[in-house]
């Protein structure tokens, strides 16, 4: 009887592993698909706007880093 139970448990463990291998790819595919939908821009104007904002931020950071008076930059950051 103990052998029968052990065989059943082994078979169930194999079945569980098989189901995990089936479920993981579909769940992963669904997750990736949802993330792509969430992140994907609606149109080209949105992409252009993101690029423009990125460039403005980059210029702002660059100018703040090349300032002659570091104390003024610190004061400006504290005010923001």
Protein backbone atom coordinates (compact mmCIF):
# COMPACT_ATOMS: atom_id res chain seq x y z
CA UNK A 1 0.00 0.00 0.00
CA UNK A 2 2.87 2.39 0.79
CA UNK A 3 4.34 1.72 -2.65
CA UNK A 4 0.99 2.54 -4.29
CA UNK A 5 0.77 5.85 -2.43
CA UNK A 6 4.38 6.71 -3.30
CA UNK A 7 3.71 5.99 -6.99
CA UNK A 8 0.60 8.16 -6.94
CA UNK A 9 2.50 11.02 -5.26
CA UNK A 10 5.30 10.73 -7.83
CA UNK A 11 2.77 10.78 -10.67
CA UNK A 12 1.05 13.82 -9.17
CA UNK A 13 4.38 15.63 -8.81
CA UNK A 14 5.15 14.93 -12.48
CA UNK A 15 1.70 16.21 -13.46
CA UNK A 16 2.17 19.37 -11.39
CA UNK A 17 5.54 20.08 -13.01
CA UNK A 18 4.03 19.54 -16.46
CA UNK A 19 1.21 21.97 -15.67
CA UNK A 20 3.70 24.55 -14.37
CA UNK A 21 5.67 24.34 -17.61
CA UNK A 22 2.47 24.87 -19.58
CA UNK A 23 1.17 27.72 -17.42
CA UNK A 24 4.40 29.73 -17.11
CA UNK A 25 4.89 30.48 -20.83
CA UNK A 26 1.28 31.53 -21.32
CA UNK A 27 1.38 33.74 -18.21
CA UNK A 28 4.71 35.20 -19.31
CA UNK A 29 3.37 35.85 -22.81
CA UNK A 30 0.29 37.56 -21.36
CA UNK A 31 2.43 39.68 -19.04
CA UNK A 32 4.75 40.78 -21.86
CA UNK A 33 1.81 41.56 -24.14
CA UNK A 34 0.17 43.69 -21.45
CA UNK A 35 3.43 45.52 -20.72
CA UNK A 36 3.95 46.27 -24.40
CA UNK A 37 0.44 47.67 -24.66
CA UNK A 38 1.06 49.81 -21.57
CA UNK A 39 4.39 51.19 -22.75
CA UNK A 40 3.72 51.42 -26.48
CA UNK A 41 3.19 55.01 -27.59
CA UNK A 42 -0.08 55.86 -29.26
CA UNK A 43 1.37 57.63 -32.25
CA UNK A 44 4.42 59.31 -33.74
CA UNK A 45 3.61 62.69 -32.17
CA UNK A 46 3.83 61.15 -28.72
CA UNK A 47 7.25 59.73 -29.59
CA UNK A 48 8.40 63.12 -30.87
CA UNK A 49 7.13 64.81 -27.72
CA UNK A 50 8.99 62.33 -25.51
CA UNK A 51 12.19 62.91 -27.48
CA UNK A 52 11.76 66.69 -27.25
CA UNK A 53 11.18 66.51 -23.48
CA UNK A 54 14.21 64.27 -23.10
CA UNK A 55 16.39 66.70 -25.06
CA UNK A 56 15.16 69.64 -22.97
CA UNK A 57 15.91 67.78 -19.76
CA UNK A 58 19.35 66.82 -21.02
CA UNK A 59 20.14 70.46 -21.94
CA UNK A 60 18.90 71.63 -18.56
CA UNK A 61 21.13 69.17 -16.73
CA UNK A 62 24.13 70.05 -18.89
CA UNK A 63 23.75 73.78 -18.29
CA UNK A 64 23.37 73.27 -14.56
CA UNK A 65 26.55 71.19 -14.49
CA UNK A 66 28.63 73.80 -16.33
CA UNK A 67 27.67 76.78 -14.18
CA UNK A 68 30.51 78.90 -12.83
CA UNK A 69 28.88 79.43 -9.44
CA UNK A 70 27.93 76.10 -7.84
CA UNK A 71 26.27 77.83 -4.89
CA UNK A 72 23.70 79.45 -7.17
CA UNK A 73 22.81 76.03 -8.55
CA UNK A 74 22.36 74.67 -5.04
CA UNK A 75 20.15 77.62 -4.14
CA UNK A 76 18.11 77.10 -7.29
CA UNK A 77 17.62 73.40 -6.53
CA UNK A 78 16.57 74.17 -2.97
CA UNK A 79 13.96 76.61 -4.24
CA UNK A 80 12.44 73.97 -6.53
